[in-house]
N, C-alpha and C. Protein backbone atom coordinates (compact mmCIF):
# COMPACT_ATOMS: atom_id res chain seq x y z
N MET A 1 -28.21 -5.02 20.34
CA MET A 1 -28.66 -5.71 19.12
C MET A 1 -27.97 -7.07 19.03
N GLN A 2 -28.76 -8.10 19.24
CA GLN A 2 -28.20 -9.44 19.25
C GLN A 2 -27.67 -9.83 17.87
N GLU A 3 -28.38 -9.42 16.82
CA GLU A 3 -27.93 -9.75 15.47
C GLU A 3 -26.56 -9.17 15.18
N LEU A 4 -26.34 -7.94 15.64
CA LEU A 4 -25.04 -7.29 15.40
C LEU A 4 -23.93 -8.03 16.14
N ASP A 5 -24.21 -8.49 17.33
CA ASP A 5 -23.22 -9.25 18.09
C ASP A 5 -22.86 -10.55 17.38
N LEU A 6 -23.87 -11.20 16.81
CA LEU A 6 -23.63 -12.45 16.08
C LEU A 6 -22.80 -12.21 14.83
N ILE A 7 -23.13 -11.12 14.13
CA ILE A 7 -22.38 -10.77 12.91
C ILE A 7 -20.94 -10.44 13.27
N ALA A 8 -20.76 -9.65 14.33
CA ALA A 8 -19.41 -9.27 14.75
C ALA A 8 -18.58 -10.49 15.13
N GLU A 9 -19.19 -11.43 15.82
CA GLU A 9 -18.47 -12.64 16.23
C GLU A 9 -18.07 -13.48 15.03
N LYS A 10 -18.97 -13.56 14.06
CA LYS A 10 -18.66 -14.32 12.84
C LYS A 10 -17.49 -13.68 12.10
N ILE A 11 -17.53 -12.36 11.97
CA ILE A 11 -16.45 -11.65 11.28
C ILE A 11 -15.14 -11.80 12.04
N ARG A 12 -15.22 -11.70 13.37
CA ARG A 12 -14.02 -11.81 14.19
C ARG A 12 -13.38 -13.19 14.03
N LYS A 13 -14.17 -14.22 14.04
CA LYS A 13 -13.64 -15.58 13.86
C LYS A 13 -12.97 -15.72 12.50
N ASN A 14 -13.60 -15.13 11.50
CA ASN A 14 -13.01 -15.18 10.15
C ASN A 14 -11.66 -14.48 10.11
N PHE A 15 -11.59 -13.32 10.73
CA PHE A 15 -10.34 -12.56 10.74
C PHE A 15 -9.26 -13.28 11.53
N VAL A 16 -9.63 -13.92 12.63
CA VAL A 16 -8.66 -14.68 13.41
C VAL A 16 -8.08 -15.82 12.58
N ALA A 17 -8.94 -16.55 11.90
CA ALA A 17 -8.49 -17.67 11.07
C ALA A 17 -7.65 -17.17 9.90
N LYS A 18 -8.09 -16.07 9.29
CA LYS A 18 -7.37 -15.53 8.14
C LYS A 18 -6.01 -14.99 8.55
N ASN A 19 -5.95 -14.35 9.69
CA ASN A 19 -4.67 -13.82 10.18
C ASN A 19 -3.70 -14.95 10.49
N ALA A 20 -4.22 -16.04 11.04
CA ALA A 20 -3.37 -17.20 11.32
C ALA A 20 -2.84 -17.80 10.02
N ALA A 21 -3.71 -17.85 9.01
CA ALA A 21 -3.29 -18.36 7.70
C ALA A 21 -2.23 -17.44 7.08
N ARG A 22 -2.42 -16.16 7.25
CA ARG A 22 -1.45 -15.19 6.72
C ARG A 22 -0.09 -15.38 7.38
N ASP A 23 -0.07 -15.46 8.69
CA ASP A 23 1.20 -15.63 9.41
C ASP A 23 1.89 -16.92 9.00
N SER A 24 1.12 -17.99 8.85
CA SER A 24 1.69 -19.27 8.46
C SER A 24 2.25 -19.22 7.04
N ALA A 25 1.49 -18.59 6.13
CA ALA A 25 1.94 -18.49 4.74
C ALA A 25 3.18 -17.63 4.62
N LEU A 26 3.25 -16.58 5.40
CA LEU A 26 4.42 -15.71 5.38
C LEU A 26 5.66 -16.46 5.83
N ALA A 27 5.52 -17.24 6.89
CA ALA A 27 6.65 -18.04 7.37
C ALA A 27 7.05 -19.09 6.33
N SER A 28 6.05 -19.71 5.70
CA SER A 28 6.34 -20.72 4.67
C SER A 28 7.02 -20.09 3.46
N SER A 29 6.60 -18.89 3.08
CA SER A 29 7.21 -18.23 1.92
C SER A 29 8.68 -17.96 2.16
N ARG A 30 9.00 -17.54 3.38
CA ARG A 30 10.41 -17.28 3.70
C ARG A 30 11.23 -18.57 3.67
N GLU A 31 10.65 -19.63 4.21
CA GLU A 31 11.34 -20.93 4.20
C GLU A 31 11.50 -21.43 2.78
N LEU A 32 10.48 -21.25 1.97
CA LEU A 32 10.53 -21.68 0.58
C LEU A 32 11.63 -20.95 -0.18
N ILE A 33 11.70 -19.65 -0.01
CA ILE A 33 12.74 -18.86 -0.70
C ILE A 33 14.13 -19.31 -0.25
N ARG A 34 14.27 -19.61 1.03
CA ARG A 34 15.58 -20.06 1.53
C ARG A 34 16.00 -21.38 0.89
N PHE A 35 15.09 -22.33 0.81
CA PHE A 35 15.42 -23.62 0.21
C PHE A 35 15.67 -23.48 -1.29
N CYS A 36 14.96 -22.59 -1.94
CA CYS A 36 15.22 -22.34 -3.37
C CYS A 36 16.63 -21.79 -3.58
N SER A 37 17.03 -20.86 -2.72
CA SER A 37 18.38 -20.30 -2.81
C SER A 37 19.43 -21.37 -2.58
N LEU A 38 19.20 -22.24 -1.61
CA LEU A 38 20.14 -23.32 -1.34
C LEU A 38 20.24 -24.27 -2.53
N SER A 39 19.11 -24.52 -3.18
CA SER A 39 19.11 -25.41 -4.34
C SER A 39 19.90 -24.80 -5.50
N ILE A 40 19.68 -23.51 -5.74
CA ILE A 40 20.41 -22.84 -6.82
C ILE A 40 21.91 -22.85 -6.53
N ARG A 41 22.27 -22.61 -5.28
CA ARG A 41 23.69 -22.64 -4.92
C ARG A 41 24.28 -24.02 -5.15
N ALA A 42 23.54 -25.06 -4.77
CA ALA A 42 24.02 -26.42 -5.00
C ALA A 42 24.16 -26.72 -6.48
N THR A 43 23.24 -26.21 -7.28
CA THR A 43 23.32 -26.41 -8.73
C THR A 43 24.57 -25.76 -9.29
N HIS A 44 24.87 -24.54 -8.86
CA HIS A 44 26.08 -23.85 -9.32
C HIS A 44 27.34 -24.62 -8.92
N ARG A 45 27.28 -25.30 -7.80
CA ARG A 45 28.44 -26.06 -7.33
C ARG A 45 28.50 -27.46 -7.91
N ALA A 46 27.59 -27.76 -8.84
CA ALA A 46 27.51 -29.08 -9.47
C ALA A 46 27.15 -30.17 -8.48
N GLU A 47 26.51 -29.79 -7.37
CA GLU A 47 26.01 -30.77 -6.40
C GLU A 47 24.56 -31.08 -6.76
N TYR A 48 24.39 -31.77 -7.87
CA TYR A 48 23.07 -31.91 -8.46
C TYR A 48 22.12 -32.78 -7.64
N ALA A 49 22.64 -33.81 -7.01
CA ALA A 49 21.79 -34.66 -6.18
C ALA A 49 21.27 -33.88 -4.98
N ASP A 50 22.15 -33.10 -4.37
CA ASP A 50 21.71 -32.27 -3.23
C ASP A 50 20.68 -31.24 -3.69
N ALA A 51 20.91 -30.67 -4.87
CA ALA A 51 19.98 -29.68 -5.40
C ALA A 51 18.60 -30.31 -5.63
N ALA A 52 18.59 -31.52 -6.15
CA ALA A 52 17.33 -32.21 -6.41
C ALA A 52 16.57 -32.47 -5.11
N GLN A 53 17.29 -32.86 -4.06
CA GLN A 53 16.65 -33.09 -2.76
C GLN A 53 16.06 -31.79 -2.20
N LEU A 54 16.79 -30.71 -2.36
CA LEU A 54 16.29 -29.42 -1.90
C LEU A 54 15.06 -28.99 -2.70
N LEU A 55 15.06 -29.29 -3.98
CA LEU A 55 13.90 -28.96 -4.81
C LEU A 55 12.67 -29.75 -4.36
N ALA A 56 12.87 -30.99 -4.00
CA ALA A 56 11.75 -31.80 -3.49
C ALA A 56 11.17 -31.16 -2.23
N ARG A 57 12.06 -30.64 -1.40
CA ARG A 57 11.60 -29.98 -0.18
C ARG A 57 10.84 -28.69 -0.52
N THR A 58 11.29 -27.98 -1.52
CA THR A 58 10.58 -26.73 -1.90
C THR A 58 9.17 -27.04 -2.36
N ARG A 59 8.99 -28.14 -3.04
CA ARG A 59 7.64 -28.48 -3.51
C ARG A 59 6.73 -28.81 -2.32
N GLU A 60 7.29 -29.46 -1.32
CA GLU A 60 6.50 -29.77 -0.12
C GLU A 60 6.08 -28.49 0.59
N ILE A 61 7.01 -27.57 0.74
CA ILE A 61 6.71 -26.31 1.42
C ILE A 61 5.68 -25.51 0.63
N ALA A 62 5.85 -25.49 -0.70
CA ALA A 62 4.92 -24.74 -1.54
C ALA A 62 3.51 -25.32 -1.44
N ALA A 63 3.40 -26.63 -1.43
CA ALA A 63 2.09 -27.26 -1.31
C ALA A 63 1.43 -26.91 0.03
N GLN A 64 2.23 -26.90 1.07
CA GLN A 64 1.71 -26.55 2.39
C GLN A 64 1.26 -25.08 2.42
N MET A 65 2.07 -24.22 1.85
CA MET A 65 1.73 -22.79 1.82
C MET A 65 0.44 -22.54 1.05
N LYS A 66 0.32 -23.20 -0.09
CA LYS A 66 -0.88 -23.01 -0.91
C LYS A 66 -2.12 -23.56 -0.21
N ALA A 67 -1.97 -24.66 0.50
CA ALA A 67 -3.11 -25.23 1.23
C ALA A 67 -3.54 -24.29 2.35
N THR A 68 -2.58 -23.63 2.96
CA THR A 68 -2.88 -22.73 4.07
C THR A 68 -3.74 -21.56 3.63
N VAL A 69 -3.45 -21.03 2.43
CA VAL A 69 -4.18 -19.84 1.96
C VAL A 69 -5.25 -20.20 0.93
N GLY A 70 -5.49 -21.50 0.76
CA GLY A 70 -6.44 -21.93 -0.26
C GLY A 70 -7.83 -21.34 -0.12
N ALA A 71 -8.26 -21.10 1.10
CA ALA A 71 -9.60 -20.55 1.34
C ALA A 71 -9.63 -19.03 1.23
N TYR A 72 -8.45 -18.43 0.99
CA TYR A 72 -8.37 -16.96 0.96
C TYR A 72 -7.64 -16.51 -0.30
N PRO A 73 -8.36 -16.36 -1.41
CA PRO A 73 -7.71 -15.98 -2.68
C PRO A 73 -6.91 -14.69 -2.59
N ASP A 74 -7.38 -13.74 -1.78
CA ASP A 74 -6.65 -12.48 -1.68
C ASP A 74 -5.28 -12.68 -1.03
N LEU A 75 -5.18 -13.65 -0.11
CA LEU A 75 -3.88 -13.97 0.48
C LEU A 75 -3.00 -14.72 -0.52
N TYR A 76 -3.62 -15.61 -1.30
CA TYR A 76 -2.85 -16.39 -2.27
C TYR A 76 -2.16 -15.49 -3.28
N PHE A 77 -2.82 -14.42 -3.66
CA PHE A 77 -2.25 -13.54 -4.67
C PHE A 77 -1.49 -12.35 -4.08
N THR A 78 -1.12 -12.44 -2.81
CA THR A 78 -0.28 -11.41 -2.23
C THR A 78 1.15 -11.53 -2.76
N GLY A 79 1.92 -10.47 -2.58
CA GLY A 79 3.28 -10.46 -3.11
C GLY A 79 4.17 -11.55 -2.56
N TYR A 80 4.09 -11.80 -1.25
CA TYR A 80 5.03 -12.76 -0.67
C TYR A 80 4.75 -14.19 -1.13
N VAL A 81 3.49 -14.54 -1.36
CA VAL A 81 3.18 -15.88 -1.85
C VAL A 81 3.64 -16.04 -3.29
N GLN A 82 3.30 -15.07 -4.14
CA GLN A 82 3.67 -15.17 -5.55
C GLN A 82 5.18 -15.05 -5.74
N ASP A 83 5.84 -14.23 -4.94
CA ASP A 83 7.30 -14.15 -5.03
C ASP A 83 7.95 -15.48 -4.67
N ALA A 84 7.41 -16.14 -3.67
CA ALA A 84 7.96 -17.44 -3.27
C ALA A 84 7.75 -18.47 -4.38
N LEU A 85 6.59 -18.44 -5.02
CA LEU A 85 6.34 -19.37 -6.12
C LEU A 85 7.22 -19.04 -7.33
N LYS A 86 7.50 -17.77 -7.52
CA LYS A 86 8.44 -17.38 -8.58
C LYS A 86 9.81 -17.97 -8.32
N GLU A 87 10.26 -17.91 -7.06
CA GLU A 87 11.55 -18.49 -6.69
C GLU A 87 11.54 -20.00 -6.90
N LEU A 88 10.40 -20.62 -6.61
CA LEU A 88 10.27 -22.06 -6.84
C LEU A 88 10.48 -22.39 -8.31
N ALA A 89 9.82 -21.63 -9.18
CA ALA A 89 9.99 -21.86 -10.61
C ALA A 89 11.43 -21.63 -11.04
N GLU A 90 12.02 -20.55 -10.56
CA GLU A 90 13.40 -20.23 -10.93
C GLU A 90 14.36 -21.35 -10.55
N ALA A 91 14.25 -21.85 -9.34
CA ALA A 91 15.16 -22.90 -8.88
C ALA A 91 15.03 -24.16 -9.73
N HIS A 92 13.81 -24.54 -10.05
CA HIS A 92 13.60 -25.73 -10.88
C HIS A 92 14.10 -25.52 -12.31
N ILE A 93 13.89 -24.33 -12.84
CA ILE A 93 14.32 -24.04 -14.22
C ILE A 93 15.84 -24.03 -14.31
N VAL A 94 16.50 -23.40 -13.36
CA VAL A 94 17.97 -23.36 -13.36
C VAL A 94 18.53 -24.77 -13.30
N HIS A 95 17.99 -25.58 -12.41
CA HIS A 95 18.47 -26.96 -12.28
C HIS A 95 18.26 -27.73 -13.57
N ALA A 96 17.12 -27.55 -14.21
CA ALA A 96 16.83 -28.26 -15.46
C ALA A 96 17.79 -27.84 -16.57
N LEU A 97 18.02 -26.55 -16.72
CA LEU A 97 18.88 -26.07 -17.81
C LEU A 97 20.34 -26.46 -17.60
N VAL A 98 20.81 -26.39 -16.38
CA VAL A 98 22.20 -26.72 -16.11
C VAL A 98 22.45 -28.22 -16.25
N THR A 99 21.46 -29.03 -15.90
CA THR A 99 21.63 -30.49 -15.98
C THR A 99 21.11 -31.07 -17.29
N ASP A 100 20.72 -30.20 -18.21
CA ASP A 100 20.21 -30.64 -19.53
C ASP A 100 18.95 -31.49 -19.40
N ALA A 101 18.14 -31.20 -18.42
CA ALA A 101 16.87 -31.90 -18.25
C ALA A 101 15.75 -31.11 -18.92
N ALA A 102 14.57 -31.72 -19.01
CA ALA A 102 13.43 -31.04 -19.60
C ALA A 102 12.96 -29.92 -18.69
N LEU A 103 12.52 -28.83 -19.29
CA LEU A 103 12.01 -27.73 -18.49
C LEU A 103 10.75 -28.15 -17.74
N PRO A 104 10.63 -27.78 -16.49
CA PRO A 104 9.42 -28.12 -15.73
C PRO A 104 8.24 -27.30 -16.22
N ASP A 105 7.08 -27.91 -16.25
CA ASP A 105 5.86 -27.24 -16.67
C ASP A 105 5.26 -26.48 -15.48
N PRO A 106 4.75 -25.28 -15.69
CA PRO A 106 4.18 -24.54 -14.57
C PRO A 106 3.02 -25.27 -13.89
N ASP A 107 2.22 -25.97 -14.68
CA ASP A 107 1.10 -26.71 -14.08
C ASP A 107 1.60 -27.85 -13.20
N THR A 108 2.68 -28.49 -13.64
CA THR A 108 3.26 -29.57 -12.83
C THR A 108 3.83 -29.03 -11.53
N LEU A 109 4.44 -27.85 -11.60
CA LEU A 109 4.99 -27.23 -10.40
C LEU A 109 3.91 -26.63 -9.52
N GLY A 110 2.74 -26.39 -10.10
CA GLY A 110 1.68 -25.74 -9.35
C GLY A 110 1.93 -24.25 -9.17
N VAL A 111 2.53 -23.64 -10.19
CA VAL A 111 2.88 -22.22 -10.14
C VAL A 111 2.04 -21.46 -11.17
N ASP A 112 1.51 -20.33 -10.77
CA ASP A 112 0.74 -19.51 -11.70
C ASP A 112 1.63 -19.04 -12.85
N TYR A 113 1.02 -18.80 -13.99
CA TYR A 113 1.80 -18.52 -15.20
C TYR A 113 2.64 -17.26 -15.08
N ALA A 114 2.11 -16.22 -14.48
CA ALA A 114 2.87 -14.98 -14.32
C ALA A 114 4.11 -15.22 -13.46
N ALA A 115 3.94 -15.94 -12.36
CA ALA A 115 5.07 -16.24 -11.48
C ALA A 115 6.08 -17.12 -12.22
N TYR A 116 5.60 -18.05 -13.02
CA TYR A 116 6.50 -18.93 -13.77
C TYR A 116 7.34 -18.13 -14.77
N LEU A 117 6.69 -17.23 -15.51
CA LEU A 117 7.42 -16.44 -16.51
C LEU A 117 8.46 -15.55 -15.86
N ASN A 118 8.11 -14.96 -14.74
CA ASN A 118 9.08 -14.13 -14.03
C ASN A 118 10.21 -14.99 -13.47
N GLY A 119 9.89 -16.20 -13.03
CA GLY A 119 10.93 -17.13 -12.59
C GLY A 119 11.84 -17.53 -13.73
N LEU A 120 11.26 -17.68 -14.91
CA LEU A 120 12.04 -18.00 -16.10
C LEU A 120 13.04 -16.89 -16.40
N GLY A 121 12.57 -15.65 -16.28
CA GLY A 121 13.45 -14.52 -16.51
C GLY A 121 14.57 -14.46 -15.48
N GLU A 122 14.23 -14.69 -14.21
CA GLU A 122 15.25 -14.69 -13.16
C GLU A 122 16.27 -15.81 -13.39
N ALA A 123 15.80 -16.91 -13.94
CA ALA A 123 16.71 -18.03 -14.22
C ALA A 123 17.78 -17.62 -15.24
N ALA A 124 17.42 -16.74 -16.17
CA ALA A 124 18.40 -16.27 -17.15
C ALA A 124 19.55 -15.55 -16.46
N GLY A 125 19.24 -14.80 -15.39
CA GLY A 125 20.29 -14.15 -14.64
C GLY A 125 21.23 -15.15 -13.99
N GLU A 126 20.67 -16.26 -13.49
CA GLU A 126 21.50 -17.30 -12.90
C GLU A 126 22.33 -18.02 -13.97
N LEU A 127 21.79 -18.11 -15.18
CA LEU A 127 22.56 -18.72 -16.27
C LEU A 127 23.77 -17.86 -16.63
N ARG A 128 23.63 -16.55 -16.51
CA ARG A 128 24.78 -15.68 -16.75
C ARG A 128 25.88 -16.00 -15.73
N ARG A 129 25.51 -16.11 -14.49
CA ARG A 129 26.49 -16.44 -13.45
C ARG A 129 27.15 -17.78 -13.75
N TYR A 130 26.34 -18.76 -14.15
CA TYR A 130 26.86 -20.08 -14.48
C TYR A 130 27.80 -20.00 -15.68
N THR A 131 27.42 -19.21 -16.67
CA THR A 131 28.24 -19.06 -17.88
C THR A 131 29.58 -18.42 -17.57
N LEU A 132 29.58 -17.41 -16.72
CA LEU A 132 30.84 -16.76 -16.36
C LEU A 132 31.78 -17.74 -15.66
N ASP A 133 31.21 -18.63 -14.86
CA ASP A 133 32.04 -19.66 -14.21
C ASP A 133 32.64 -20.60 -15.25
N ILE A 134 31.85 -20.95 -16.26
CA ILE A 134 32.34 -21.86 -17.31
C ILE A 134 33.42 -21.19 -18.14
N ILE A 135 33.25 -19.89 -18.41
CA ILE A 135 34.23 -19.17 -19.22
C ILE A 135 35.63 -19.30 -18.62
N ARG A 136 35.71 -19.27 -17.31
CA ARG A 136 37.02 -19.37 -16.65
C ARG A 136 37.68 -20.71 -16.91
N HIS A 137 36.86 -21.72 -17.22
CA HIS A 137 37.41 -23.05 -17.50
C HIS A 137 37.58 -23.30 -18.99
N GLY A 138 37.26 -22.31 -19.81
CA GLY A 138 37.50 -22.42 -21.24
C GLY A 138 36.55 -23.32 -22.01
N ASP A 139 35.38 -23.61 -21.45
CA ASP A 139 34.42 -24.49 -22.11
C ASP A 139 33.46 -23.64 -22.95
N SER A 140 33.94 -23.19 -24.09
CA SER A 140 33.17 -22.26 -24.91
C SER A 140 31.92 -22.92 -25.50
N ALA A 141 32.00 -24.20 -25.80
CA ALA A 141 30.84 -24.89 -26.38
C ALA A 141 29.69 -24.91 -25.38
N ARG A 142 30.00 -25.17 -24.13
CA ARG A 142 28.97 -25.18 -23.08
C ARG A 142 28.41 -23.77 -22.88
N CYS A 143 29.29 -22.80 -22.96
CA CYS A 143 28.85 -21.40 -22.83
C CYS A 143 27.87 -21.04 -23.93
N GLU A 144 28.16 -21.47 -25.13
CA GLU A 144 27.27 -21.18 -26.26
C GLU A 144 25.90 -21.79 -26.03
N LYS A 145 25.87 -22.97 -25.45
CA LYS A 145 24.58 -23.62 -25.18
C LYS A 145 23.78 -22.83 -24.15
N MET A 146 24.45 -22.35 -23.12
CA MET A 146 23.76 -21.55 -22.11
C MET A 146 23.29 -20.22 -22.69
N LEU A 147 24.11 -19.62 -23.54
CA LEU A 147 23.72 -18.37 -24.20
C LEU A 147 22.51 -18.58 -25.08
N SER A 148 22.46 -19.72 -25.76
CA SER A 148 21.31 -20.05 -26.60
C SER A 148 20.05 -20.19 -25.76
N ALA A 149 20.18 -20.80 -24.58
CA ALA A 149 19.03 -20.95 -23.68
C ALA A 149 18.54 -19.59 -23.21
N MET A 150 19.47 -18.71 -22.89
CA MET A 150 19.11 -17.36 -22.47
C MET A 150 18.40 -16.61 -23.60
N ASP A 151 18.91 -16.82 -24.81
CA ASP A 151 18.31 -16.18 -25.99
C ASP A 151 16.88 -16.67 -26.19
N ASP A 152 16.67 -17.98 -26.01
CA ASP A 152 15.33 -18.55 -26.15
C ASP A 152 14.38 -17.99 -25.10
N ILE A 153 14.89 -17.82 -23.88
CA ILE A 153 14.06 -17.27 -22.81
C ILE A 153 13.63 -15.85 -23.16
N TYR A 154 14.57 -15.05 -23.60
CA TYR A 154 14.24 -13.67 -23.96
C TYR A 154 13.25 -13.63 -25.12
N ALA A 155 13.47 -14.48 -26.13
CA ALA A 155 12.59 -14.51 -27.29
C ALA A 155 11.16 -14.86 -26.88
N LEU A 156 11.01 -15.69 -25.86
CA LEU A 156 9.68 -16.03 -25.36
C LEU A 156 9.08 -14.88 -24.58
N LEU A 157 9.84 -14.34 -23.65
CA LEU A 157 9.30 -13.30 -22.76
C LEU A 157 8.87 -12.06 -23.53
N VAL A 158 9.63 -11.72 -24.57
CA VAL A 158 9.32 -10.49 -25.30
C VAL A 158 7.99 -10.60 -26.05
N THR A 159 7.50 -11.82 -26.25
CA THR A 159 6.22 -11.99 -26.94
C THR A 159 5.04 -11.87 -25.99
N MET A 160 5.29 -11.89 -24.69
CA MET A 160 4.22 -11.82 -23.69
C MET A 160 3.86 -10.36 -23.42
N ASP A 161 3.31 -9.73 -24.43
CA ASP A 161 3.02 -8.29 -24.37
C ASP A 161 1.61 -8.07 -23.81
N PHE A 162 1.51 -8.22 -22.50
CA PHE A 162 0.23 -8.04 -21.83
C PHE A 162 0.43 -7.07 -20.66
N PRO A 163 -0.65 -6.52 -20.14
CA PRO A 163 -0.53 -5.57 -19.02
C PRO A 163 0.17 -6.19 -17.82
N ASP A 164 0.92 -5.37 -17.10
CA ASP A 164 1.64 -5.84 -15.92
C ASP A 164 0.70 -6.42 -14.87
N ALA A 165 -0.54 -5.96 -14.87
CA ALA A 165 -1.51 -6.49 -13.91
C ALA A 165 -1.74 -7.98 -14.13
N LEU A 166 -1.56 -8.43 -15.37
CA LEU A 166 -1.72 -9.85 -15.68
C LEU A 166 -0.42 -10.62 -15.52
N THR A 167 0.69 -9.98 -15.86
CA THR A 167 1.97 -10.69 -15.92
C THR A 167 2.85 -10.49 -14.69
N GLY A 168 2.39 -9.72 -13.73
CA GLY A 168 3.19 -9.53 -12.52
C GLY A 168 4.47 -8.75 -12.76
N GLY A 169 4.40 -7.72 -13.60
CA GLY A 169 5.58 -6.90 -13.85
C GLY A 169 6.60 -7.56 -14.76
N LEU A 170 6.13 -8.37 -15.70
CA LEU A 170 7.03 -9.13 -16.57
C LEU A 170 7.88 -8.24 -17.46
N ARG A 171 7.38 -7.07 -17.81
CA ARG A 171 8.17 -6.19 -18.69
C ARG A 171 9.49 -5.81 -18.05
N ARG A 172 9.47 -5.54 -16.77
CA ARG A 172 10.71 -5.21 -16.06
C ARG A 172 11.66 -6.41 -16.07
N THR A 173 11.12 -7.60 -15.86
CA THR A 173 11.95 -8.80 -15.91
C THR A 173 12.52 -9.01 -17.30
N THR A 174 11.69 -8.77 -18.32
CA THR A 174 12.15 -8.93 -19.71
C THR A 174 13.28 -7.97 -20.03
N ASP A 175 13.16 -6.74 -19.58
CA ASP A 175 14.24 -5.76 -19.79
C ASP A 175 15.52 -6.21 -19.11
N MET A 176 15.39 -6.79 -17.92
CA MET A 176 16.55 -7.31 -17.22
C MET A 176 17.22 -8.42 -18.01
N VAL A 177 16.40 -9.32 -18.56
CA VAL A 177 16.94 -10.44 -19.33
C VAL A 177 17.67 -9.93 -20.57
N ARG A 178 17.12 -8.92 -21.22
CA ARG A 178 17.79 -8.37 -22.40
C ARG A 178 19.18 -7.84 -22.05
N GLY A 179 19.27 -7.11 -20.94
CA GLY A 179 20.57 -6.59 -20.52
C GLY A 179 21.54 -7.70 -20.17
N VAL A 180 21.06 -8.71 -19.45
CA VAL A 180 21.89 -9.84 -19.07
C VAL A 180 22.38 -10.59 -20.30
N LEU A 181 21.48 -10.77 -21.26
CA LEU A 181 21.82 -11.48 -22.48
C LEU A 181 22.90 -10.74 -23.27
N GLU A 182 22.75 -9.42 -23.40
CA GLU A 182 23.72 -8.63 -24.16
C GLU A 182 25.10 -8.64 -23.49
N ARG A 183 25.12 -8.52 -22.17
CA ARG A 183 26.40 -8.53 -21.47
C ARG A 183 27.08 -9.89 -21.55
N THR A 184 26.28 -10.94 -21.44
CA THR A 184 26.85 -12.29 -21.51
C THR A 184 27.38 -12.59 -22.91
N ARG A 185 26.65 -12.15 -23.93
CA ARG A 185 27.12 -12.34 -25.30
C ARG A 185 28.45 -11.61 -25.52
N GLY A 186 28.54 -10.41 -24.97
CA GLY A 186 29.79 -9.66 -25.10
C GLY A 186 30.93 -10.34 -24.37
N ASP A 187 30.68 -10.81 -23.16
CA ASP A 187 31.72 -11.50 -22.39
C ASP A 187 32.17 -12.77 -23.09
N LEU A 188 31.22 -13.50 -23.65
CA LEU A 188 31.56 -14.75 -24.32
C LEU A 188 32.34 -14.47 -25.61
N THR A 189 31.97 -13.43 -26.33
CA THR A 189 32.69 -13.07 -27.55
C THR A 189 34.15 -12.76 -27.24
N VAL A 190 34.38 -11.98 -26.21
CA VAL A 190 35.75 -11.65 -25.81
C VAL A 190 36.50 -12.91 -25.40
N ALA A 191 35.85 -13.80 -24.64
CA ALA A 191 36.50 -15.01 -24.18
C ALA A 191 36.87 -15.93 -25.34
N VAL A 192 35.97 -16.06 -26.31
CA VAL A 192 36.25 -16.92 -27.47
C VAL A 192 37.41 -16.37 -28.28
N ARG A 193 37.42 -15.05 -28.48
CA ARG A 193 38.52 -14.44 -29.22
C ARG A 193 39.85 -14.63 -28.50
N GLN A 194 39.81 -14.49 -27.18
CA GLN A 194 41.03 -14.69 -26.39
C GLN A 194 41.50 -16.14 -26.48
N GLU A 195 40.53 -17.06 -26.46
CA GLU A 195 40.87 -18.48 -26.57
C GLU A 195 41.51 -18.78 -27.92
N LYS A 196 40.97 -18.21 -28.98
CA LYS A 196 41.53 -18.42 -30.33
C LYS A 196 42.91 -17.81 -30.45
N LEU A 197 43.08 -16.63 -29.84
CA LEU A 197 44.39 -15.98 -29.88
C LEU A 197 45.43 -16.82 -29.16
N GLU A 198 45.06 -17.34 -28.00
CA GLU A 198 45.99 -18.17 -27.25
C GLU A 198 46.34 -19.45 -28.01
N GLN A 199 45.34 -20.02 -28.68
CA GLN A 199 45.59 -21.22 -29.46
C GLN A 199 46.52 -20.92 -30.63
N THR A 200 46.32 -19.79 -31.28
CA THR A 200 47.19 -19.39 -32.39
C THR A 200 48.62 -19.18 -31.92
N LEU A 201 48.78 -18.54 -30.76
CA LEU A 201 50.12 -18.32 -30.22
C LEU A 201 50.79 -19.63 -29.86
N ARG A 202 50.02 -20.57 -29.30
CA ARG A 202 50.60 -21.87 -28.98
C ARG A 202 51.07 -22.60 -30.24
N GLU A 203 50.25 -22.56 -31.26
CA GLU A 203 50.63 -23.21 -32.53
C GLU A 203 51.86 -22.56 -33.13
N PHE A 204 51.93 -21.24 -33.02
CA PHE A 204 53.10 -20.52 -33.54
C PHE A 204 54.37 -20.94 -32.80
N GLU A 205 54.26 -21.00 -31.47
CA GLU A 205 55.42 -21.40 -30.67
C GLU A 205 55.84 -22.84 -30.97
N GLU A 206 54.83 -23.71 -31.19
CA GLU A 206 55.17 -25.10 -31.52
C GLU A 206 55.87 -25.20 -32.86
N ARG A 207 55.42 -24.42 -33.85
CA ARG A 207 56.06 -24.45 -35.16
C ARG A 207 57.48 -23.89 -35.09
N ARG A 208 57.63 -22.84 -34.29
CA ARG A 208 58.96 -22.23 -34.16
C ARG A 208 59.92 -23.17 -33.44
N SER A 209 59.40 -23.90 -32.45
CA SER A 209 60.26 -24.84 -31.73
C SER A 209 60.65 -26.01 -32.60
N ALA A 210 59.74 -26.40 -33.49
CA ALA A 210 60.01 -27.55 -34.35
C ALA A 210 60.95 -27.19 -35.50
N ALA A 211 61.05 -25.89 -35.80
CA ALA A 211 61.87 -25.46 -36.94
C ALA A 211 63.38 -25.59 -36.62
């Protein structure tokens, strides 16, 4: 049957092209996640210029990855592509919050809304890490600002009460943010009380020395 041979060849060519796109997108997703991790690490180290350069590279990789799977919507919405875009959002959000810049818009980043929201939640976890580092340096005012940002993130996520099929498992991320927020608030409360106690003891010692 000549028609069957023609159909089979057409399907085979499609599968060959689609498989090549899949392999390329998978490699790009891994590279994207790696550069996002490097950017977040640079942000934590206060290497903000380096972090910004890495973020620029992540956008290039993301654009390439999306172009590769553009003709195949089922590939675009696979876990590895969306996870990589979530990491892209997270890295940009962390950098913005730590450097007091404006939050990046998901449309500007080219990230789907579900991936963006999950990236926002993951960013709250990175803010906890950043806050714990600040606590060691006694910058309670900065800690309060980061805690407020985490609180705002949670307040937003908890309102997104839609099925996980739409939000990409956002409920699980929201639960994680709630736990992170509560632990960070507790850690900060203890740190502030300790700071006040130490200040009171110093003042007491100064008064006693002056007497």
